[in-house]
PDB file of N, CA and C in Angstrom:
ATOM      1  N   MET A   1       0.864  -1.167   0.000  1.00  0.00           N
ATOM      2  CA  MET A   1       0.000   0.000   0.000  1.00  0.00           C
ATOM      3  C   MET A   1       0.906   1.223   0.000  1.00  0.00           C
ATOM      4  N   SER A   2       0.812   1.990  -1.043  1.00  0.00           N
ATOM      5  CA  SER A   2       1.626   3.195  -1.120  1.00  0.00           C
ATOM      6  C   SER A   2       0.774   4.408  -0.779  1.00  0.00           C
ATOM      7  N   GLY A   3       1.421   5.457  -0.346  1.00  0.00           N
ATOM      8  CA  GLY A   3       0.694   6.667   0.008  1.00  0.00           C
ATOM      9  C   GLY A   3       0.563   6.809   1.507  1.00  0.00           C
ATOM     10  N   ASN A   4      -0.049   7.884   1.887  1.00  0.00           N
ATOM     11  CA  ASN A   4      -0.203   8.190   3.299  1.00  0.00           C
ATOM     12  C   ASN A   4      -1.524   7.624   3.816  1.00  0.00           C
ATOM     13  N   VAL A   5      -1.464   6.868   4.877  1.00  0.00           N
ATOM     14  CA  VAL A   5      -2.657   6.243   5.448  1.00  0.00           C
ATOM     15  C   VAL A   5      -3.630   7.307   5.950  1.00  0.00           C
ATOM     16  N   TYR A   6      -3.116   8.395   6.456  1.00  0.00           N
ATOM     17  CA  TYR A   6      -3.976   9.454   6.985  1.00  0.00           C
ATOM     18  C   TYR A   6      -4.809  10.113   5.890  1.00  0.00           C
ATOM     19  N   VAL A   7      -4.271  10.166   4.680  1.00  0.00           N
ATOM     20  CA  VAL A   7      -5.044  10.702   3.552  1.00  0.00           C
ATOM     21  C   VAL A   7      -6.219   9.778   3.255  1.00  0.00           C
ATOM     22  N   TYR A   8      -5.979   8.467   3.279  1.00  0.00           N
ATOM     23  CA  TYR A   8      -7.054   7.505   3.034  1.00  0.00           C
ATOM     24  C   TYR A   8      -8.142   7.624   4.100  1.00  0.00           C
ATOM     25  N   ILE A   9      -7.740   7.739   5.345  1.00  0.00           N
ATOM     26  CA  ILE A   9      -8.704   7.862   6.440  1.00  0.00           C
ATOM     27  C   ILE A   9      -9.501   9.156   6.302  1.00  0.00           C
ATOM     28  N   LEU A  10      -8.826  10.243   5.943  1.00  0.00           N
ATOM     29  CA  LEU A  10      -9.506  11.524   5.757  1.00  0.00           C
ATOM     30  C   LEU A  10     -10.520  11.459   4.622  1.00  0.00           C
ATOM     31  N   VAL A  11     -10.150  10.842   3.510  1.00  0.00           N
ATOM     32  CA  VAL A  11     -11.083  10.716   2.379  1.00  0.00           C
ATOM     33  C   VAL A  11     -12.277   9.855   2.767  1.00  0.00           C
ATOM     34  N   MET A  12     -12.042   8.756   3.467  1.00  0.00           N
ATOM     35  CA  MET A  12     -13.158   7.903   3.904  1.00  0.00           C
ATOM     36  C   MET A  12     -14.088   8.653   4.846  1.00  0.00           C
ATOM     37  N   ALA A  13     -13.518   9.407   5.771  1.00  0.00           N
ATOM     38  CA  ALA A  13     -14.341  10.169   6.706  1.00  0.00           C
ATOM     39  C   ALA A  13     -15.149  11.232   5.979  1.00  0.00           C
ATOM     40  N   LEU A  14     -14.540  11.902   5.016  1.00  0.00           N
ATOM     41  CA  LEU A  14     -15.236  12.937   4.250  1.00  0.00           C
ATOM     42  C   LEU A  14     -16.380  12.350   3.432  1.00  0.00           C
ATOM     43  N   VAL A  15     -16.132  11.229   2.775  1.00  0.00           N
ATOM     44  CA  VAL A  15     -17.186  10.593   1.967  1.00  0.00           C
ATOM     45  C   VAL A  15     -18.330  10.127   2.855  1.00  0.00           C
ATOM     46  N   THR A  16     -18.006   9.518   3.986  1.00  0.00           N
ATOM     47  CA  THR A  16     -19.046   9.065   4.908  1.00  0.00           C
ATOM     48  C   THR A  16     -19.863  10.232   5.435  1.00  0.00           C
ATOM     49  N   TYR A  17     -19.189  11.307   5.774  1.00  0.00           N
ATOM     50  CA  TYR A  17     -19.881  12.490   6.287  1.00  0.00           C
ATOM     51  C   TYR A  17     -20.788  13.095   5.222  1.00  0.00           C
ATOM     52  N   LEU A  18     -20.297  13.190   3.988  1.00  0.00           N
ATOM     53  CA  LEU A  18     -21.109  13.770   2.913  1.00  0.00           C
ATOM     54  C   LEU A  18     -22.341  12.921   2.608  1.00  0.00           C
ATOM     55  N   ILE A  19     -22.172  11.614   2.610  1.00  0.00           N
ATOM     56  CA  ILE A  19     -23.317  10.735   2.323  1.00  0.00           C
ATOM     57  C   ILE A  19     -24.405  10.906   3.371  1.00  0.00           C
ATOM     58  N   ARG A  20     -24.022  11.142   4.607  1.00  0.00           N
ATOM     59  CA  ARG A  20     -25.007  11.286   5.682  1.00  0.00           C
ATOM     60  C   ARG A  20     -25.576  12.692   5.787  1.00  0.00           C
ATOM     61  N   MET A  21     -24.796  13.695   5.443  1.00  0.00           N
ATOM     62  CA  MET A  21     -25.233  15.076   5.642  1.00  0.00           C
ATOM     63  C   MET A  21     -25.919  15.705   4.423  1.00  0.00           C
ATOM     64  N   LEU A  22     -25.590  15.259   3.222  1.00  0.00           N
ATOM     65  CA  LEU A  22     -26.206  15.865   2.035  1.00  0.00           C
ATOM     66  C   LEU A  22     -27.723  15.741   2.006  1.00  0.00           C
ATOM     67  N   PRO A  23     -28.304  14.587   2.309  1.00  0.00           N
ATOM     68  CA  PRO A  23     -29.770  14.537   2.324  1.00  0.00           C
ATOM     69  C   PRO A  23     -30.389  15.490   3.345  1.00  0.00           C
ATOM     70  N   LEU A  24     -29.737  15.656   4.478  1.00  0.00           N
ATOM     71  CA  LEU A  24     -30.282  16.559   5.499  1.00  0.00           C
ATOM     72  C   LEU A  24     -30.235  18.015   5.058  1.00  0.00           C
ATOM     73  N   THR A  25     -29.233  18.378   4.293  1.00  0.00           N
ATOM     74  CA  THR A  25     -29.108  19.773   3.877  1.00  0.00           C
ATOM     75  C   THR A  25     -29.852  20.066   2.584  1.00  0.00           C
ATOM     76  N   LEU A  26     -29.965  19.077   1.690  1.00  0.00           N
ATOM     77  CA  LEU A  26     -30.605  19.331   0.390  1.00  0.00           C
ATOM     78  C   LEU A  26     -32.119  19.187   0.434  1.00  0.00           C
ATOM     79  N   ILE A  27     -32.621  18.302   1.268  1.00  0.00           N
ATOM     80  CA  ILE A  27     -34.067  18.071   1.337  1.00  0.00           C
ATOM     81  C   ILE A  27     -34.584  18.765   2.592  1.00  0.00           C
ATOM     82  N   ARG A  28     -35.180  19.925   2.412  1.00  0.00           N
ATOM     83  CA  ARG A  28     -35.651  20.703   3.563  1.00  0.00           C
ATOM     84  C   ARG A  28     -37.142  20.486   3.841  1.00  0.00           C
ATOM     85  N   GLN A  29     -37.936  20.249   2.800  1.00  0.00           N
ATOM     86  CA  GLN A  29     -39.367  20.093   3.035  1.00  0.00           C
ATOM     87  C   GLN A  29     -39.719  18.618   3.256  1.00  0.00           C
ATOM     88  N   LYS A  30     -40.913  18.398   3.705  1.00  0.00           N
ATOM     89  CA  LYS A  30     -41.394  17.052   3.964  1.00  0.00           C
ATOM     90  C   LYS A  30     -41.555  16.308   2.635  1.00  0.00           C
ATOM     91  N   ILE A  31     -41.184  15.033   2.631  1.00  0.00           N
ATOM     92  CA  ILE A  31     -41.311  14.212   1.421  1.00  0.00           C
ATOM     93  C   ILE A  31     -42.769  13.820   1.271  1.00  0.00           C
ATOM     94  N   LYS A  32     -43.361  14.173   0.115  1.00  0.00           N
ATOM     95  CA  LYS A  32     -44.783  13.917  -0.111  1.00  0.00           C
ATOM     96  C   LYS A  32     -45.031  12.717  -1.015  1.00  0.00           C
ATOM     97  N   SER A  33     -44.054  12.334  -1.793  1.00  0.00           N
ATOM     98  CA  SER A  33     -44.217  11.226  -2.723  1.00  0.00           C
ATOM     99  C   SER A  33     -44.311   9.910  -1.956  1.00  0.00           C
ATOM    100  N   THR A  34     -45.387   9.165  -2.195  1.00  0.00           N
ATOM    101  CA  THR A  34     -45.547   7.877  -1.516  1.00  0.00           C
ATOM    102  C   THR A  34     -44.533   6.862  -2.033  1.00  0.00           C
ATOM    103  N   PHE A  35     -44.137   6.987  -3.295  1.00  0.00           N
ATOM    104  CA  PHE A  35     -43.137   6.067  -3.847  1.00  0.00           C
ATOM    105  C   PHE A  35     -41.801   6.238  -3.134  1.00  0.00           C
ATOM    106  N   ILE A  36     -41.358   7.466  -2.981  1.00  0.00           N
ATOM    107  CA  ILE A  36     -40.084   7.722  -2.311  1.00  0.00           C
ATOM    108  C   ILE A  36     -40.163   7.334  -0.839  1.00  0.00           C
ATOM    109  N   LYS A  37     -41.292   7.593  -0.197  1.00  0.00           N
ATOM    110  CA  LYS A  37     -41.455   7.195   1.207  1.00  0.00           C
ATOM    111  C   LYS A  37     -41.353   5.679   1.368  1.00  0.00           C
ATOM    112  N   SER A  38     -42.050   4.952   0.504  1.00  0.00           N
ATOM    113  CA  SER A  38     -42.015   3.498   0.611  1.00  0.00           C
ATOM    114  C   SER A  38     -40.634   2.967   0.239  1.00  0.00           C
ATOM    115  N   PHE A  39     -39.975   3.597  -0.739  1.00  0.00           N
ATOM    116  CA  PHE A  39     -38.621   3.191  -1.104  1.00  0.00           C
ATOM    117  C   PHE A  39     -37.680   3.362   0.080  1.00  0.00           C
ATOM    118  N   LEU A  40     -37.724   4.503   0.723  1.00  0.00           N
ATOM    119  CA  LEU A  40     -36.848   4.760   1.865  1.00  0.00           C
ATOM    120  C   LEU A  40     -37.207   3.884   3.071  1.00  0.00           C
ATOM    121  N   TYR A  41     -38.472   3.498   3.186  1.00  0.00           N
ATOM    122  CA  TYR A  41     -38.894   2.642   4.287  1.00  0.00           C
ATOM    123  C   TYR A  41     -38.287   1.239   4.157  1.00  0.00           C
ATOM    124  N   TYR A  42     -38.236   0.706   2.934  1.00  0.00           N
ATOM    125  CA  TYR A  42     -37.786  -0.663   2.724  1.00  0.00           C
ATOM    126  C   TYR A  42     -36.288  -0.804   2.489  1.00  0.00           C
ATOM    127  N   VAL A  43     -35.539   0.273   2.352  1.00  0.00           N
ATOM    128  CA  VAL A  43     -34.106   0.186   2.088  1.00  0.00           C
ATOM    129  C   VAL A  43     -33.359  -0.605   3.167  1.00  0.00           C
ATOM    130  N   PRO A  44     -33.590  -0.384   4.464  1.00  0.00           N
ATOM    131  CA  PRO A  44     -32.845  -1.188   5.461  1.00  0.00           C
ATOM    132  C   PRO A  44     -33.145  -2.682   5.375  1.00  0.00           C
ATOM    133  N   TYR A  45     -34.383  -3.055   5.101  1.00  0.00           N
ATOM    134  CA  TYR A  45     -34.739  -4.473   5.017  1.00  0.00           C
ATOM    135  C   TYR A  45     -34.087  -5.128   3.802  1.00  0.00           C
ATOM    136  N   VAL A  46     -34.083  -4.434   2.690  1.00  0.00           N
ATOM    137  CA  VAL A  46     -33.474  -4.980   1.473  1.00  0.00           C
ATOM    138  C   VAL A  46     -31.965  -5.104   1.653  1.00  0.00           C
ATOM    139  N   THR A  47     -31.363  -4.116   2.271  1.00  0.00           N
ATOM    140  CA  THR A  47     -29.924  -4.168   2.505  1.00  0.00           C
ATOM    141  C   THR A  47     -29.557  -5.346   3.399  1.00  0.00           C
ATOM    142  N   LEU A  48     -30.320  -5.561   4.449  1.00  0.00           N
ATOM    143  CA  LEU A  48     -30.071  -6.697   5.331  1.00  0.00           C
ATOM    144  C   LEU A  48     -30.245  -8.019   4.589  1.00  0.00           C
ATOM    145  N   ALA A  49     -31.270  -8.125   3.759  1.00  0.00           N
ATOM    146  CA  ALA A  49     -31.498  -9.354   3.009  1.00  0.00           C
ATOM    147  C   ALA A  49     -30.377  -9.615   2.012  1.00  0.00           C
ATOM    148  N   VAL A  50     -29.917  -8.576   1.349  1.00  0.00           N
ATOM    149  CA  VAL A  50     -28.851  -8.727   0.358  1.00  0.00           C
ATOM    150  C   VAL A  50     -27.544  -9.148   1.024  1.00  0.00           C
ATOM    151  N   MET A  51     -27.313  -8.689   2.224  1.00  0.00           N
ATOM    152  CA  MET A  51     -26.087  -9.083   2.925  1.00  0.00           C
ATOM    153  C   MET A  51     -26.212 -10.473   3.548  1.00  0.00           C
ATOM    154  N   THR A  52     -27.406 -10.890   3.929  1.00  0.00           N
ATOM    155  CA  THR A  52     -27.590 -12.149   4.632  1.00  0.00           C
ATOM    156  C   THR A  52     -27.711 -13.344   3.691  1.00  0.00           C
ATOM    157  N   PHE A  53     -28.378 -13.186   2.558  1.00  0.00           N
ATOM    158  CA  PHE A  53     -28.676 -14.330   1.696  1.00  0.00           C
ATOM    159  C   PHE A  53     -27.423 -15.054   1.199  1.00  0.00           C
ATOM    160  N   PRO A  54     -26.382 -14.368   0.721  1.00  0.00           N
ATOM    161  CA  PRO A  54     -25.174 -15.120   0.323  1.00  0.00           C
ATOM    162  C   PRO A  54     -24.527 -15.868   1.485  1.00  0.00           C
ATOM    163  N   ALA A  55     -24.615 -15.308   2.682  1.00  0.00           N
ATOM    164  CA  ALA A  55     -24.045 -15.986   3.844  1.00  0.00           C
ATOM    165  C   ALA A  55     -24.823 -17.256   4.171  1.00  0.00           C
ATOM    166  N   ILE A  56     -26.120 -17.247   3.932  1.00  0.00           N
ATOM    167  CA  ILE A  56     -26.928 -18.448   4.171  1.00  0.00           C
ATOM    168  C   ILE A  56     -26.481 -19.572   3.245  1.00  0.00           C
ATOM    169  N   LEU A  57     -26.238 -19.240   1.985  1.00  0.00           N
ATOM    170  CA  LEU A  57     -25.846 -20.267   1.019  1.00  0.00           C
ATOM    171  C   LEU A  57     -24.425 -20.778   1.253  1.00  0.00           C
ATOM    172  N   SER A  58     -23.550 -19.942   1.774  1.00  0.00           N
ATOM    173  CA  SER A  58     -22.161 -20.367   1.955  1.00  0.00           C
ATOM    174  C   SER A  58     -21.857 -20.850   3.375  1.00  0.00           C
ATOM    175  N   ALA A  59     -22.818 -20.872   4.264  1.00  0.00           N
ATOM    176  CA  ALA A  59     -22.577 -21.274   5.648  1.00  0.00           C
ATOM    177  C   ALA A  59     -22.453 -22.785   5.803  1.00  0.00           C
ATOM    178  N   THR A  60     -22.965 -23.538   4.855  1.00  0.00           N
ATOM    179  CA  THR A  60     -22.913 -24.994   4.938  1.00  0.00           C
ATOM    180  C   THR A  60     -21.906 -25.519   3.928  1.00  0.00           C
ATOM    181  N   SER A  61     -21.678 -26.825   3.954  1.00  0.00           N
ATOM    182  CA  SER A  61     -20.709 -27.396   3.015  1.00  0.00           C
ATOM    183  C   SER A  61     -21.259 -27.449   1.591  1.00  0.00           C
ATOM    184  N   SER A  62     -22.560 -27.377   1.445  1.00  0.00           N
ATOM    185  CA  SER A  62     -23.174 -27.382   0.121  1.00  0.00           C
ATOM    186  C   SER A  62     -24.193 -26.238   0.038  1.00  0.00           C
ATOM    187  N   PRO A  63     -24.190 -25.496  -1.058  1.00  0.00           N
ATOM    188  CA  PRO A  63     -25.197 -24.436  -1.192  1.00  0.00           C
ATOM    189  C   PRO A  63     -26.621 -24.981  -1.237  1.00  0.00           C
ATOM    190  N   TRP A  64     -26.765 -26.237  -1.652  1.00  0.00           N
ATOM    191  CA  TRP A  64     -28.104 -26.829  -1.728  1.00  0.00           C
ATOM    192  C   TRP A  64     -28.715 -27.012  -0.345  1.00  0.00           C
ATOM    193  N   SER A  65     -27.905 -27.384   0.615  1.00  0.00           N
ATOM    194  CA  SER A  65     -28.440 -27.531   1.972  1.00  0.00           C
ATOM    195  C   SER A  65     -28.763 -26.168   2.579  1.00  0.00           C
ATOM    196  N   GLY A  66     -27.959 -25.162   2.274  1.00  0.00           N
ATOM    197  CA  GLY A  66     -28.277 -23.806   2.721  1.00  0.00           C
ATOM    198  C   GLY A  66     -29.572 -23.309   2.108  1.00  0.00           C
ATOM    199  N   LEU A  67     -29.767 -23.608   0.822  1.00  0.00           N
ATOM    200  CA  LEU A  67     -31.008 -23.218   0.151  1.00  0.00           C
ATOM    201  C   LEU A  67     -32.208 -23.955   0.737  1.00  0.00           C
ATOM    202  N   ALA A  68     -32.018 -25.230   1.078  1.00  0.00           N
ATOM    203  CA  ALA A  68     -33.113 -26.004   1.691  1.00  0.00           C
ATOM    204  C   ALA A  68     -33.497 -25.417   3.042  1.00  0.00           C
ATOM    205  N   GLY A  69     -32.511 -25.047   3.839  1.00  0.00           N
ATOM    206  CA  GLY A  69     -32.796 -24.425   5.130  1.00  0.00           C
ATOM    207  C   GLY A  69     -33.491 -23.087   4.970  1.00  0.00           C
ATOM    208  N   PHE A  70     -33.048 -22.306   3.982  1.00  0.00           N
ATOM    209  CA  PHE A  70     -33.682 -21.013   3.716  1.00  0.00           C
ATOM    210  C   PHE A  70     -35.135 -21.190   3.285  1.00  0.00           C
ATOM    211  N   LEU A  71     -35.379 -22.098   2.355  1.00  0.00           N
ATOM    212  CA  LEU A  71     -36.748 -22.311   1.880  1.00  0.00           C
ATOM    213  C   LEU A  71     -37.651 -22.853   2.987  1.00  0.00           C
ATOM    214  N   THR A  72     -37.112 -23.746   3.813  1.00  0.00           N
ATOM    215  CA  THR A  72     -37.888 -24.250   4.951  1.00  0.00           C
ATOM    216  C   THR A  72     -38.270 -23.113   5.883  1.00  0.00           C
ATOM    217  N   ALA A  73     -37.302 -22.262   6.209  1.00  0.00           N
ATOM    218  CA  ALA A  73     -37.573 -21.136   7.096  1.00  0.00           C
ATOM    219  C   ALA A  73     -38.547 -20.145   6.467  1.00  0.00           C
ATOM    220  N   ALA A  74     -38.402 -19.896   5.163  1.00  0.00           N
ATOM    221  CA  ALA A  74     -39.277 -18.935   4.495  1.00  0.00           C
ATOM    222  C   ALA A  74     -40.723 -19.425   4.482  1.00  0.00           C
ATOM    223  N   VAL A  75     -40.923 -20.704   4.173  1.00  0.00           N
ATOM    224  CA  VAL A  75     -42.284 -21.250   4.111  1.00  0.00           C
ATOM    225  C   VAL A  75     -42.924 -21.266   5.490  1.00  0.00           C
ATOM    226  N   LEU A  76     -42.178 -21.716   6.502  1.00  0.00           N
ATOM    227  CA  LEU A  76     -42.745 -21.797   7.846  1.00  0.00           C
ATOM    228  C   LEU A  76     -43.020 -20.410   8.434  1.00  0.00           C
ATOM    229  N   SER A  77     -42.143 -19.472   8.168  1.00  0.00           N
ATOM    230  CA  SER A  77     -42.391 -18.125   8.694  1.00  0.00           C
ATOM    231  C   SER A  77     -43.533 -17.455   7.958  1.00  0.00           C
ATOM    232  N   TYR A  78     -43.690 -17.757   6.662  1.00  0.00           N
ATOM    233  CA  TYR A  78     -44.837 -17.222   5.921  1.00  0.00           C
ATOM    234  C   TYR A  78     -46.148 -17.756   6.481  1.00  0.00           C
ATOM    235  N   LYS A  79     -46.117 -18.989   6.965  1.00  0.00           N
ATOM    236  CA  LYS A  79     -47.322 -19.586   7.548  1.00  0.00           C
ATOM    237  C   LYS A  79     -47.566 -19.125   8.976  1.00  0.00           C
ATOM    238  N   GLY A  80     -46.692 -18.281   9.513  1.00  0.00           N
ATOM    239  CA  GLY A  80     -46.922 -17.689  10.832  1.00  0.00           C
ATOM    240  C   GLY A  80     -46.411 -18.498  12.001  1.00  0.00           C
ATOM    241  N   LYS A  81     -45.504 -19.409  11.765  1.00  0.00           N
ATOM    242  CA  LYS A  81     -44.956 -20.214  12.867  1.00  0.00           C
ATOM    243  C   LYS A  81     -43.996 -19.373  13.694  1.00  0.00           C
ATOM    244  N   GLY A  82     -43.695 -19.841  14.891  1.00  0.00           N
ATOM    245  CA  GLY A  82     -42.835 -19.111  15.811  1.00  0.00           C
ATOM    246  C   GLY A  82     -41.362 -19.201  15.437  1.00  0.00           C
ATOM    247  N   LEU A  83     -40.579 -18.303  16.009  1.00  0.00           N
ATOM    248  CA  LEU A  83     -39.162 -18.197  15.676  1.00  0.00           C
ATOM    249  C   LEU A  83     -38.385 -19.456  16.045  1.00  0.00           C
ATOM    250  N   ILE A  84     -38.624 -19.993  17.222  1.00  0.00           N
ATOM    251  CA  ILE A  84     -37.887 -21.197  17.654  1.00  0.00           C
ATOM    252  C   ILE A  84     -38.226 -22.376  16.754  1.00  0.00           C
ATOM    253  N   PHE A  85     -39.498 -22.558  16.450  1.00  0.00           N
ATOM    254  CA  PHE A  85     -39.919 -23.662  15.586  1.00  0.00           C
ATOM    255  C   PHE A  85     -39.317 -23.521  14.193  1.00  0.00           C
ATOM    256  N   VAL A  86     -39.345 -22.314  13.648  1.00  0.00           N
ATOM    257  CA  VAL A  86     -38.807 -22.077  12.306  1.00  0.00           C
ATOM    258  C   VAL A  86     -37.309 -22.352  12.278  1.00  0.00           C
ATOM    259  N   SER A  87     -36.581 -21.857  13.262  1.00  0.00           N
ATOM    260  CA  SER A  87     -35.130 -22.057  13.260  1.00  0.00           C
ATOM    261  C   SER A  87     -34.759 -23.521  13.475  1.00  0.00           C
ATOM    262  N   LEU A  88     -35.491 -24.221  14.332  1.00  0.00           N
ATOM    263  CA  LEU A  88     -35.212 -25.645  14.535  1.00  0.00           C
ATOM    264  C   LEU A  88     -35.506 -26.465  13.281  1.00  0.00           C
ATOM    265  N   CYS A  89     -36.590 -26.156  12.607  1.00  0.00           N
ATOM    266  CA  CYS A  89     -36.921 -26.876  11.377  1.00  0.00           C
ATOM    267  C   CYS A  89     -35.917 -26.574  10.267  1.00  0.00           C
ATOM    268  N   ALA A  90     -35.474 -25.331  10.170  1.00  0.00           N
ATOM    269  CA  ALA A  90     -34.477 -24.974   9.160  1.00  0.00           C
ATOM    270  C   ALA A  90     -33.155 -25.688   9.444  1.00  0.00           C
ATOM    271  N   CYS A  91     -32.757 -25.726  10.715  1.00  0.00           N
ATOM    272  CA  CYS A  91     -31.532 -26.450  11.076  1.00  0.00           C
ATOM    273  C   CYS A  91     -31.690 -27.942  10.803  1.00  0.00           C
ATOM    274  N   GLY A  92     -32.852 -28.472  11.085  1.00  0.00           N
ATOM    275  CA  GLY A  92     -33.109 -29.881  10.799  1.00  0.00           C
ATOM    276  C   GLY A  92     -33.056 -30.194   9.315  1.00  0.00           C
ATOM    277  N   ALA A  93     -33.603 -29.306   8.504  1.00  0.00           N
ATOM    278  CA  ALA A  93     -33.560 -29.507   7.052  1.00  0.00           C
ATOM    279  C   ALA A  93     -32.123 -29.483   6.545  1.00  0.00           C
ATOM    280  N   VAL A  94     -31.343 -28.570   7.049  1.00  0.00           N
ATOM    281  CA  VAL A  94     -29.927 -28.507   6.652  1.00  0.00           C
ATOM    282  C   VAL A  94     -29.204 -29.768   7.096  1.00  0.00           C
ATOM    283  N   PHE A  95     -29.438 -30.183   8.326  1.00  0.00           N
ATOM    284  CA  PHE A  95     -28.775 -31.380   8.864  1.00  0.00           C
ATOM    285  C   PHE A  95     -29.114 -32.623   8.037  1.00  0.00           C
ATOM    286  N   LEU A  96     -30.390 -32.803   7.737  1.00  0.00           N
ATOM    287  CA  LEU A  96     -30.798 -33.983   6.968  1.00  0.00           C
ATOM    288  C   LEU A  96     -30.228 -33.966   5.556  1.00  0.00           C
ATOM    289  N   LEU A  97     -30.238 -32.820   4.914  1.00  0.00           N
ATOM    290  CA  LEU A  97     -29.702 -32.745   3.558  1.00  0.00           C
ATOM    291  C   LEU A  97     -28.180 -32.924   3.561  1.00  0.00           C
ATOM    292  N   GLU A  98     -27.509 -32.443   4.597  1.00  0.00           N
ATOM    293  CA  GLU A  98     -26.068 -32.662   4.705  1.00  0.00           C
ATOM    294  C   GLU A  98     -25.768 -34.156   4.872  1.00  0.00           C
ATOM    295  N   LEU A  99     -26.615 -34.869   5.620  1.00  0.00           N
ATOM    296  CA  LEU A  99     -26.415 -36.317   5.761  1.00  0.00           C
ATOM    297  C   LEU A  99     -26.573 -37.023   4.426  1.00  0.00           C
ATOM    298  N   VAL A 100     -27.501 -36.581   3.613  1.00  0.00           N
ATOM    299  CA  VAL A 100     -27.754 -37.226   2.323  1.00  0.00           C
ATOM    300  C   VAL A 100     -26.653 -36.881   1.321  1.00  0.00           C
ATOM    301  N   LEU A 101     -26.227 -35.615   1.310  1.00  0.00           N
ATOM    302  CA  LEU A 101     -25.274 -35.163   0.306  1.00  0.00           C
ATOM    303  C   LEU A 101     -23.838 -35.619   0.578  1.00  0.00           C
ATOM    304  N   VAL A 102     -23.474 -35.788   1.849  1.00  0.00           N
ATOM    305  CA  VAL A 102     -22.080 -36.113   2.172  1.00  0.00           C
ATOM    306  C   VAL A 102     -21.870 -37.582   2.337  1.00  0.00           C
TER     307      VAL A 102
END
């Protein structure tokens, strides 16, 4: 790594500060568009899903078992089952598929 580390830290701090402060300074009135409101409402959930889904597939020895656990959890949670039941069933699905695949 060539260059001054302090310059890199300063640039990172400046970019982070600008990303957080520009919306506060540029948008002064209340947001009236329902599309923009709903977009901003769902951004944290989408970001979390995008960061979590690849980790689910790579957490096991086979992506297929990770996908099976994900689908099991998605179906059971869609049906309104509890968190402990969903997580135990997803772990069980991964365990059983790992036994079959390995």
